[in-house]
Every structure is written in C-alpha cells, then in structure tokens.
Amino acid sequence: MNVIFEGARPPIGARGWLIRILGIAFGMSIITGGAVGLGLYAAFSEDIPSFRGLADYQPPVVSRIHGQAGELIGELYRERRELLAYEQIPPLLIEAFLASEDAHFFEHDGIDYAGIARAAFANLRAGRVVQGGSTITQQVAKSLLISEEGYEEGSAKKISRKVKEAILARRLERQLDKQDILTLYLNQIFLGNQAYGVQSAAQAYFRKNVDELNLAEMALLAGLPQAPSRYSPFRHPQVARERRRYVLRRMVDEGFISEAQLEEAEATPIIVHRAPNPIREVTPYFTEHVRRLLSERFSDEELLTQGFRITTTVDVERYRWAERSVYDKLRLVDKRQGYRGPLLRLETAEARSNFTARYTEELRARGMERAIPLGALVVGVVERIDRDAQHVRLAMGPTAPSSRWQPCAGPGTSTL
C-alpha cells in the first residue's frame, strides 16, 4: 500500500533533473560571463583617457617663436593645432561635418548600430569603402587614443583597439554633452596637410580663419576626416572635388543648404596651399639656433606640446636684408670667377643621404654665421618663464663679430 504524506513534494523525474541542471549551468554561465566581462572592461579601461569636462582636454598645441615686432618666425609642434571654443566655429561648418560624418549625431549614444549597418550595405553595393560607420564620438575616441599612445599603437586594427574606442566613446557620451563632444572633435581631428582641428586646417589649406571660409571650402574640409590622404586636393584633386560634391549633396539631403547654394559652391573656385613652414620661410638659421637653445632648458615633450610663446629680439626685416646682401655678394663673386661646373653630383639616394649626414651640421653653422651679420646673436639666457601664460622670453646680447664676416653698414650697402 502506497502511503502519501500530505504536503510532500512529488518525486522529480529525469526530465525535471535535466531542467534543473540546465538552469544551474545557464545561471553559472551568466555569472562567469559577467565576471569575465567586468574583468575585461576593467583591463581595457585602465589606460583609457578620462574626461569629466572640457577642462580635462589638454591636447598638444603649437609653441611659436616670434621676432622683435611680433612676427611669427618659427613653430615647434608634435601636432599643429589651434584650439577654438564652440562659439567660434561657424554653424555651417559644423553642419558640413555632421552631414558628412554623422547625421544622427544628436540621436545616438556614441555608437550608431543602424549607421554601421547602412555603411556596410553601401560599401558592399559600391564594391569599395564609400561610407564610414564610426560616429563622431567614436572618431574622437580614436583620435584621443592616437594622441595618448602614438599613431602606430593608437590606430592599430585590433579587436582590443576597437573595444577601447567603444568604451571611451560611451564614456564621453556619459560625461560630456553633445556640444562638448563636437568641440573636442573639431579641435582634435586630423585633416591632412599637417593640420589638426578645423582652425589649423583652414590656415594650412586656405590661409584663412574658420570664420572666413566659404561654403565650398567648408565642404572640402568636411570631406577629409575619413581619409585625408585619399581625398587630398594636392595628390588627388579630382577625387577631392568628388568628395566635396558628396558633402554638399549630403548637406542638401539633411536640409542644411539649398540646391541653389550647392550649385553656387560647386561653381566657386578653390585655391589650396601647402602647409606653411615659417622656420624655412622667415629666419631659418636664427630660428634653428633658438630651438637648440630652448632644447637645453626644456624637454622635447614640453617644447612640442605645451604651446609656449617665445619672444626674441631679431629684426626680421634687417635679417632678410642681410641675407639678400650675402647672397647677392656671393653671386657677384661667382660671376667674376666664372662658372666652374658642379663640385659634386648627387645622382642616387645613397649619395644624397651620405652627403646630408656628413655636411648638414657644417653647412648650418656656416650659414648661421654668414646669414646674420647684425652684431647680435642669441646669448641663450632665459629671461622669464611664465608657466600660466606659457610665455618664454629669450634675452639677446651683443657679441663681437666673427673674423669670418664684418657687420653690414645698412640697407644701402654691405661689406664682407
């Protein structure tokens, strides 16, 4: 006789035990997966830059060397960048970048999953990369990692790198508002031609400030972030024109401009320039001498990233006049003696490399002596360092003219 006690549980069958075991295994896998995920998150997050606000954004900026009258005679930098506040950037330029790079910027939380799918479909249909899937926030994250870790490591195509970008993108979205992220982006992004940020790019390509750009120039800049080399107006002008038209069309599609504005921008001629190099163009030997003196007092990291303003007492006009005087006299001497043919032919890369390695320092030293016959050279005294203002003043002092040259009398005549 079977006795059944009231309130007792019925026996568990084989199927019930299987369900229990599977449930326990599933729960354990969730716990284990969560623990592993948290561990990986902690590991990847350990060396990621942290931002609580724009005050934490301190990117490398240019240190500039100025002459007596304030002329720019040299730049020292790791990344050529000039910072702008959000209010200083024209709204139309912001819209050009939004249309080109991330039209749904104000709708996503840092990662646009639908945008990734759209980009993959568009690229598959075109048979080449025509559209990127990264949001502006992800591009900021990538750029910050490159600045933090160097280009090779920061831009490596690794899963770990993509995970770091995603973590940093989400962190930026949580800690900053959209306007701040746009400010970071438009100051941080590399746009080719040695330019980081829109102000530096406007100066490098067009010799203008951002508030002086026309629509065609804005569209050209907005087309560069995906591939500055591929869309370079110097290397690939036709591709750059097509990319500019793509940006203008996207601006029409997003309602930022009209068809009439597109056509007007298309018809606007654009003149682009190579990035300026004031060290070579103004007072090259003098500026190099100043750089060497500074390197004795400051590390390369400080000089190339801290944005010092360095004031010297060089008279740029007299320097140029003295340089012209030397070159004119040398040509006159050469003309009197007659043409004697080349002293040396450097027809191979190896020959040029050997010559450069052997004679560069000697040529610089001699050029320095002969190019500045003004009776005054940098004595290398740092007169004042104001860290807050990032200002360094180099004191100048008179020195006895070298026996190898005599000081010039004035802009009218010179004596060697």
Protein backbone atom coordinates (compact mmCIF):
# COMPACT_ATOMS: atom_id res chain seq x y z
CA MET A 1 0.00 0.00 0.00
CA ASN A 2 1.35 3.37 -1.05
CA VAL A 3 1.37 5.94 1.67
CA ILE A 4 1.31 9.56 0.56
CA PHE A 5 2.01 12.15 3.21
CA GLU A 6 0.03 15.31 2.89
CA GLY A 7 2.16 18.31 1.78
CA ALA A 8 5.06 16.19 0.48
CA ARG A 9 6.61 17.08 -2.91
CA PRO A 10 6.08 14.64 -5.73
CA PRO A 11 9.24 12.82 -6.86
CA ILE A 12 11.35 14.62 -9.53
CA GLY A 13 11.65 12.76 -12.75
CA ALA A 14 14.63 12.61 -15.12
CA ARG A 15 13.24 15.47 -17.18
CA GLY A 16 12.94 17.66 -14.10
CA TRP A 17 16.53 16.96 -13.09
CA LEU A 18 17.70 17.85 -16.61
CA ILE A 19 15.86 21.18 -16.50
CA ARG A 20 17.37 21.94 -13.08
CA ILE A 21 20.89 21.13 -14.25
CA LEU A 22 20.47 23.24 -17.39
CA GLY A 23 19.12 26.14 -15.33
CA ILE A 24 22.04 25.99 -12.91
CA ALA A 25 24.51 25.78 -15.81
CA PHE A 26 22.85 28.74 -17.52
CA GLY A 27 22.99 30.79 -14.34
CA MET A 28 26.63 29.90 -13.77
CA SER A 29 27.49 30.84 -17.36
CA ILE A 30 25.82 34.23 -16.90
CA ILE A 31 27.72 34.85 -13.67
CA THR A 32 31.00 33.68 -15.21
CA GLY A 33 30.42 35.68 -18.38
CA GLY A 34 29.58 38.75 -16.35
CA ALA A 35 32.71 38.35 -14.23
CA VAL A 36 34.87 37.88 -17.33
CA GLY A 37 33.18 40.87 -18.98
CA LEU A 38 33.79 43.07 -15.94
CA GLY A 39 37.40 41.90 -15.80
CA LEU A 40 37.95 42.68 -19.48
CA TYR A 41 36.23 46.05 -19.10
CA ALA A 42 38.49 46.90 -16.16
CA ALA A 43 41.57 45.77 -18.09
CA PHE A 44 40.71 47.75 -21.23
CA SER A 45 39.58 50.80 -19.24
CA GLU A 46 42.72 51.04 -17.13
CA ASP A 47 44.76 53.23 -19.52
CA ILE A 48 41.91 54.99 -21.34
CA PRO A 49 41.87 58.81 -21.02
CA SER A 50 39.22 60.12 -18.64
CA PHE A 51 37.16 63.25 -19.26
CA ARG A 52 34.82 64.92 -16.81
CA GLY A 53 34.58 68.08 -18.89
CA LEU A 54 36.32 70.20 -21.49
CA ALA A 55 38.71 71.42 -18.79
CA ASP A 56 40.31 67.95 -18.93
CA TYR A 57 41.00 68.35 -22.65
CA GLN A 58 44.64 69.40 -22.95
CA PRO A 59 45.86 68.30 -26.38
CA PRO A 60 49.30 69.01 -27.82
CA VAL A 61 49.41 72.56 -29.17
CA VAL A 62 51.98 74.58 -31.10
CA SER A 63 54.82 76.54 -29.48
CA ARG A 64 55.52 79.66 -31.53
CA ILE A 65 58.69 81.74 -31.89
CA HIS A 66 58.23 85.44 -32.61
CA GLY A 67 60.51 88.21 -33.78
CA GLN A 68 61.01 91.68 -32.35
CA ALA A 69 57.83 93.10 -33.89
CA GLY A 70 55.74 90.02 -33.12
CA GLU A 71 56.23 88.29 -36.48
CA LEU A 72 55.93 84.51 -36.46
CA ILE A 73 59.37 83.11 -37.30
CA GLY A 74 59.05 79.50 -36.16
CA GLU A 75 56.77 76.76 -34.87
CA LEU A 76 57.59 73.75 -32.73
CA TYR A 77 54.91 71.08 -32.53
CA ARG A 78 54.01 67.43 -32.45
CA GLU A 79 50.54 68.18 -33.76
CA ARG A 80 49.80 71.52 -35.45
CA ARG A 81 46.63 72.61 -33.69
CA GLU A 82 44.93 75.86 -32.67
CA LEU A 83 42.09 75.47 -30.18
CA LEU A 84 38.68 77.07 -30.71
CA ALA A 85 35.64 77.34 -28.48
CA TYR A 86 32.35 76.01 -29.85
CA GLU A 87 31.04 79.56 -30.30
CA GLN A 88 34.00 80.42 -32.55
CA ILE A 89 33.15 77.73 -35.11
CA PRO A 90 30.67 78.74 -37.85
CA PRO A 91 27.39 76.76 -37.61
CA LEU A 92 27.53 75.97 -41.34
CA LEU A 93 30.96 74.34 -40.90
CA ILE A 94 29.58 72.23 -38.04
CA GLU A 95 26.66 71.18 -40.27
CA ALA A 96 29.06 70.24 -43.07
CA PHE A 97 30.86 67.82 -40.76
CA LEU A 98 27.59 66.45 -39.37
CA ALA A 99 26.24 65.81 -42.88
CA SER A 100 29.46 64.15 -43.98
CA GLU A 101 30.37 62.15 -40.89
CA ASP A 102 27.41 61.60 -38.58
CA ALA A 103 23.96 62.93 -39.50
CA HIS A 104 22.41 61.12 -36.49
CA PHE A 105 24.92 62.51 -34.01
CA PHE A 106 22.26 64.06 -31.76
CA GLU A 107 20.20 60.83 -31.70
CA HIS A 108 22.66 58.05 -30.76
CA ASP A 109 24.54 57.36 -27.53
CA GLY A 110 28.01 57.16 -29.06
CA ILE A 111 27.59 54.08 -31.24
CA ASP A 112 25.16 54.14 -34.16
CA TYR A 113 24.30 50.49 -34.81
CA ALA A 114 21.88 51.33 -37.62
CA GLY A 115 24.54 53.56 -39.16
CA ILE A 116 27.05 50.71 -39.10
CA ALA A 117 24.57 48.51 -40.97
CA ARG A 118 23.83 51.26 -43.52
CA ALA A 119 27.53 51.85 -44.13
CA ALA A 120 28.20 48.13 -44.57
CA PHE A 121 25.37 47.85 -47.11
CA ALA A 122 26.50 50.99 -49.02
CA ASN A 123 30.11 49.78 -49.17
CA LEU A 124 29.03 46.30 -50.28
CA ARG A 125 26.85 47.76 -53.03
CA ALA A 126 29.63 50.08 -54.24
CA GLY A 127 32.34 47.44 -54.03
CA ARG A 128 34.58 49.85 -52.11
CA VAL A 129 34.55 51.96 -48.97
CA VAL A 130 32.28 54.93 -49.67
CA GLN A 131 30.80 55.45 -46.22
CA GLY A 132 32.15 55.02 -42.71
CA GLY A 133 30.25 53.51 -39.81
CA SER A 134 32.07 55.30 -37.00
CA THR A 135 30.20 58.06 -35.22
CA ILE A 136 31.78 61.41 -34.45
CA THR A 137 32.11 60.28 -30.83
CA GLN A 138 33.97 57.14 -31.92
CA GLN A 139 36.26 59.25 -34.12
CA VAL A 140 37.03 61.48 -31.14
CA ALA A 141 37.80 58.39 -29.08
CA LYS A 142 40.14 57.02 -31.75
CA SER A 143 41.90 60.36 -32.15
CA LEU A 144 42.39 60.72 -28.39
CA LEU A 145 43.86 57.22 -28.19
CA ILE A 146 46.26 58.06 -31.04
CA SER A 147 47.38 61.22 -29.23
CA GLU A 148 47.77 59.25 -25.99
CA GLU A 149 49.56 56.19 -27.37
CA GLY A 150 51.10 57.30 -30.68
CA TYR A 151 49.81 56.71 -34.20
CA GLU A 152 51.01 53.14 -34.69
CA GLU A 153 49.53 51.81 -31.45
CA GLY A 154 46.52 54.11 -31.28
CA SER A 155 45.33 53.30 -34.82
CA ALA A 156 46.14 49.58 -34.83
CA LYS A 157 43.40 47.46 -36.41
CA LYS A 158 42.91 45.14 -33.45
CA ILE A 159 39.80 43.95 -31.65
CA SER A 160 41.26 45.29 -28.40
CA ARG A 161 41.65 48.73 -30.01
CA LYS A 162 38.03 48.73 -31.20
CA VAL A 163 36.87 47.71 -27.72
CA LYS A 164 38.83 50.60 -26.21
CA GLU A 165 37.33 53.01 -28.74
CA ALA A 166 33.82 51.81 -27.90
CA ILE A 167 34.42 52.10 -24.14
CA LEU A 168 35.86 55.59 -24.49
CA ALA A 169 33.03 56.66 -26.83
CA ARG A 170 30.40 55.57 -24.30
CA ARG A 171 32.34 57.26 -21.51
CA LEU A 172 32.49 60.51 -23.46
CA GLU A 173 28.73 60.38 -24.08
CA ARG A 174 28.07 59.90 -20.36
CA GLN A 175 30.42 62.62 -19.14
CA LEU A 176 30.07 65.32 -21.82
CA ASP A 177 27.15 66.89 -23.61
CA LYS A 178 26.87 66.78 -27.39
CA GLN A 179 28.18 70.33 -27.85
CA ASP A 180 31.32 69.50 -25.87
CA ILE A 181 31.91 66.36 -27.94
CA LEU A 182 31.61 68.38 -31.14
CA THR A 183 34.10 70.89 -29.73
CA LEU A 184 36.53 68.06 -29.00
CA TYR A 185 36.02 66.61 -32.46
CA LEU A 186 36.52 69.83 -34.41
CA ASN A 187 39.69 70.63 -32.46
CA GLN A 188 41.13 67.10 -32.36
CA ILE A 189 40.51 65.57 -35.79
CA PHE A 190 43.42 65.15 -38.25
CA LEU A 191 42.66 66.76 -41.62
CA GLY A 192 45.89 66.25 -43.54
CA ASN A 193 48.44 68.88 -44.63
CA GLN A 194 49.94 68.72 -41.09
CA ALA A 195 46.69 70.14 -39.66
CA TYR A 196 44.82 69.00 -36.55
CA GLY A 197 41.47 70.68 -35.98
CA VAL A 198 39.45 72.94 -38.25
CA GLN A 199 41.26 76.21 -37.44
CA SER A 200 44.67 74.77 -38.22
CA ALA A 201 43.27 73.18 -41.40
CA ALA A 202 41.71 76.47 -42.53
CA GLN A 203 45.08 78.16 -42.09
CA ALA A 204 47.03 75.34 -43.73
CA TYR A 205 44.83 74.88 -46.82
CA PHE A 206 43.37 78.35 -47.39
CA ARG A 207 45.44 80.84 -45.30
CA LYS A 208 42.16 81.84 -43.61
CA ASN A 209 40.49 81.63 -40.24
CA VAL A 210 37.41 79.43 -39.95
CA ASP A 211 35.04 82.41 -39.89
CA GLU A 212 36.39 83.49 -43.30
CA LEU A 213 35.72 80.20 -45.12
CA ASN A 214 33.12 79.97 -47.88
CA LEU A 215 30.78 77.00 -48.30
CA ALA A 216 32.97 75.28 -50.91
CA GLU A 217 36.00 75.43 -48.61
CA MET A 218 33.97 74.15 -45.66
CA ALA A 219 32.76 71.19 -47.73
CA LEU A 220 36.31 70.34 -48.76
CA LEU A 221 37.47 70.24 -45.13
CA ALA A 222 34.42 68.22 -44.05
CA GLY A 223 35.25 65.59 -46.66
CA LEU A 224 38.74 64.90 -45.30
CA PRO A 225 38.40 63.04 -41.95
CA GLN A 226 37.69 59.58 -43.41
CA ALA A 227 40.90 59.55 -45.48
CA PRO A 228 42.95 62.78 -45.59
CA SER A 229 45.49 61.26 -47.97
CA ARG A 230 42.97 59.74 -50.39
CA TYR A 231 40.91 62.95 -50.55
CA SER A 232 43.92 65.28 -50.58
CA PRO A 233 43.39 68.19 -53.04
CA PHE A 234 47.13 68.05 -53.78
CA ARG A 235 47.53 64.34 -54.53
CA HIS A 236 44.08 63.58 -55.92
CA PRO A 237 42.33 66.81 -56.98
CA GLN A 238 39.58 65.07 -58.96
CA VAL A 239 38.78 62.72 -56.06
CA ALA A 240 38.78 65.73 -53.71
CA ARG A 241 36.26 67.52 -55.96
CA GLU A 242 34.00 64.45 -56.00
CA ARG A 243 34.23 64.19 -52.23
CA ARG A 244 33.38 67.89 -51.85
CA ARG A 245 30.31 67.40 -54.04
CA TYR A 246 29.29 64.40 -51.91
CA VAL A 247 29.45 66.57 -48.78
CA LEU A 248 27.42 69.34 -50.42
CA ARG A 249 24.80 66.82 -51.57
CA ARG A 250 24.57 65.38 -48.06
CA MET A 251 24.07 68.92 -46.71
CA VAL A 252 21.15 69.36 -49.12
CA ASP A 253 19.70 65.98 -48.10
CA GLU A 254 19.87 66.96 -44.42
CA GLY A 255 18.25 70.34 -45.08
CA PHE A 256 21.31 72.40 -44.15
CA ILE A 257 21.62 74.15 -47.54
CA SER A 258 19.52 74.59 -50.68
CA GLU A 259 20.13 73.33 -54.22
CA ALA A 260 20.99 76.89 -55.22
CA GLN A 261 23.68 77.07 -52.54
CA LEU A 262 25.06 73.73 -53.72
CA GLU A 263 25.33 74.96 -57.30
CA GLU A 264 26.95 78.21 -56.20
CA ALA A 265 29.51 76.32 -54.10
CA GLU A 266 30.21 73.96 -56.99
CA ALA A 267 30.98 76.94 -59.22
CA THR A 268 33.26 78.59 -56.64
CA PRO A 269 36.96 78.14 -57.47
CA ILE A 270 39.14 76.99 -54.57
CA ILE A 271 42.81 77.81 -54.13
CA VAL A 272 44.63 75.48 -51.73
CA HIS A 273 48.09 75.93 -50.25
CA ARG A 274 50.70 73.68 -48.78
CA ALA A 275 51.14 73.96 -45.03
CA PRO A 276 53.36 76.96 -44.23
CA ASN A 277 56.78 76.44 -42.72
CA PRO A 278 57.84 79.72 -41.09
CA ILE A 279 61.12 78.19 -39.92
CA ARG A 280 62.23 77.78 -43.53
CA GLU A 281 60.47 80.85 -44.88
CA VAL A 282 61.47 83.63 -42.48
CA THR A 283 64.69 83.36 -40.44
CA PRO A 284 65.75 79.71 -40.78
CA TYR A 285 69.25 79.79 -39.26
CA PHE A 286 68.35 82.11 -36.42
CA THR A 287 65.23 80.10 -35.56
CA GLU A 288 67.16 76.84 -35.56
CA HIS A 289 69.67 78.42 -33.17
CA VAL A 290 66.82 79.45 -30.85
CA ARG A 291 65.39 75.93 -31.00
CA ARG A 292 68.71 74.46 -29.89
CA LEU A 293 68.97 76.89 -27.00
CA LEU A 294 65.43 76.04 -25.89
CA SER A 295 66.18 72.32 -26.05
CA GLU A 296 68.87 72.85 -23.42
CA ARG A 297 66.26 74.23 -20.99
CA PHE A 298 63.13 72.26 -21.85
CA SER A 299 62.35 68.70 -22.87
CA ASP A 300 61.13 67.91 -26.39
CA GLU A 301 57.77 66.95 -24.89
CA GLU A 302 57.37 70.41 -23.35
CA LEU A 303 58.50 72.29 -26.45
CA LEU A 304 56.34 70.27 -28.84
CA THR A 305 53.12 70.12 -26.81
CA GLN A 306 52.82 72.96 -24.27
CA GLY A 307 52.10 75.91 -26.56
CA PHE A 308 54.86 78.27 -25.41
CA ARG A 309 55.04 81.76 -26.88
CA ILE A 310 58.74 82.51 -27.37
CA THR A 311 59.75 86.13 -27.94
CA THR A 312 63.13 87.09 -29.42
CA THR A 313 64.67 90.42 -30.43
CA VAL A 314 65.53 89.51 -34.00
CA ASP A 315 64.67 92.24 -36.53
CA VAL A 316 63.12 90.23 -39.35
CA GLU A 317 63.44 92.95 -42.00
CA ARG A 318 67.13 93.51 -41.28
CA TYR A 319 67.67 89.76 -41.20
CA ARG A 320 66.13 89.38 -44.65
CA TRP A 321 68.08 92.32 -45.97
CA ALA A 322 71.34 90.89 -44.58
CA GLU A 323 70.59 87.51 -46.11
CA ARG A 324 69.90 89.07 -49.51
CA SER A 325 73.13 91.06 -49.23
CA VAL A 326 75.16 87.91 -48.60
CA TYR A 327 73.55 86.03 -51.48
CA ASP A 328 73.99 88.99 -53.87
CA LYS A 329 77.68 89.27 -53.00
CA LEU A 330 78.20 85.53 -53.38
CA ARG A 331 76.59 85.61 -56.82
CA LEU A 332 78.79 88.56 -57.77
CA VAL A 333 81.93 86.71 -56.66
CA ASP A 334 80.84 83.61 -58.56
CA LYS A 335 80.17 85.67 -61.68
CA ARG A 336 83.63 87.24 -61.55
CA GLN A 337 85.34 83.89 -61.26
CA GLY A 338 83.26 82.31 -63.99
CA TYR A 339 81.20 79.14 -63.95
CA ARG A 340 83.30 76.17 -62.88
CA GLY A 341 80.73 73.39 -63.12
CA PRO A 342 79.23 71.38 -60.26
CA LEU A 343 81.51 70.47 -57.38
CA LEU A 344 79.62 67.24 -56.76
CA ARG A 345 76.83 65.25 -58.39
CA LEU A 346 74.30 63.58 -56.11
CA GLU A 347 72.54 61.30 -58.54
CA THR A 348 71.49 58.48 -56.20
CA ALA A 349 69.55 58.38 -52.96
CA GLU A 350 72.56 56.86 -51.21
CA ALA A 351 74.85 59.68 -52.39
CA ARG A 352 72.38 62.31 -51.19
CA SER A 353 71.99 60.58 -47.84
CA ASN A 354 75.75 60.33 -47.31
CA PHE A 355 76.24 63.99 -48.24
CA THR A 356 73.46 65.12 -45.89
CA ALA A 357 74.79 63.06 -42.99
CA ARG A 358 78.32 64.38 -43.46
CA TYR A 359 77.85 68.05 -44.22
CA THR A 360 74.48 69.24 -42.83
CA GLU A 361 75.81 70.47 -39.47
CA GLU A 362 78.80 72.19 -41.07
CA LEU A 363 76.62 73.92 -43.65
CA ARG A 364 74.16 75.07 -40.98
CA ALA A 365 76.96 76.51 -38.87
CA ARG A 366 78.48 78.42 -41.77
CA GLY A 367 75.10 79.61 -42.95
CA MET A 368 74.33 80.83 -39.44
CA GLU A 369 77.48 82.92 -39.35
CA ARG A 370 77.02 84.43 -42.76
CA ALA A 371 73.26 84.93 -42.72
CA ILE A 372 73.07 87.07 -39.56
CA PRO A 373 75.76 89.76 -39.80
CA LEU A 374 73.91 92.04 -37.38
CA GLY A 375 76.38 92.15 -34.49
CA ALA A 376 73.84 90.50 -32.15
CA LEU A 377 73.15 86.82 -31.56
CA VAL A 378 71.07 84.93 -29.02
CA VAL A 379 73.10 84.53 -25.85
CA GLY A 380 70.79 81.81 -24.55
CA VAL A 381 69.61 83.50 -21.37
CA VAL A 382 66.04 82.62 -20.42
CA GLU A 383 64.89 85.92 -19.00
CA ARG A 384 61.41 84.94 -17.86
CA ILE A 385 59.25 81.84 -17.80
CA ASP A 386 55.57 82.30 -17.09
CA ARG A 387 54.02 78.83 -16.97
CA ASP A 388 50.45 80.09 -16.78
CA ALA A 389 50.83 82.29 -19.83
CA GLN A 390 53.11 79.72 -21.47
CA HIS A 391 55.49 82.55 -22.27
CA VAL A 392 59.27 82.36 -22.63
CA ARG A 393 61.44 85.37 -23.37
CA LEU A 394 64.94 84.91 -24.72
CA ALA A 395 67.26 87.77 -23.85
CA MET A 396 69.57 88.93 -26.61
CA GLY A 397 73.02 90.38 -26.18
CA PRO A 398 75.68 91.93 -28.39
CA THR A 399 78.58 89.72 -29.40
CA ALA A 400 81.80 90.53 -31.16
CA PRO A 401 81.52 89.93 -34.91
CA SER A 402 83.31 86.83 -36.11
CA SER A 403 86.55 87.21 -38.02
CA ARG A 404 84.80 85.42 -40.89
CA TRP A 405 82.42 88.31 -41.54
CA GLN A 406 82.04 92.01 -40.93
CA PRO A 407 78.74 93.63 -39.92
CA CYS A 408 76.77 95.27 -42.72
CA ALA A 409 76.56 99.06 -42.63
CA GLY A 410 72.88 99.36 -43.51
CA PRO A 411 70.21 98.54 -46.06
CA GLY A 412 72.04 100.50 -48.76
CA THR A 413 75.49 98.92 -48.68
CA SER A 414 77.26 95.92 -47.21
CA THR A 415 80.85 94.84 -46.74
CA LEU A 416 82.04 91.27 -46.48
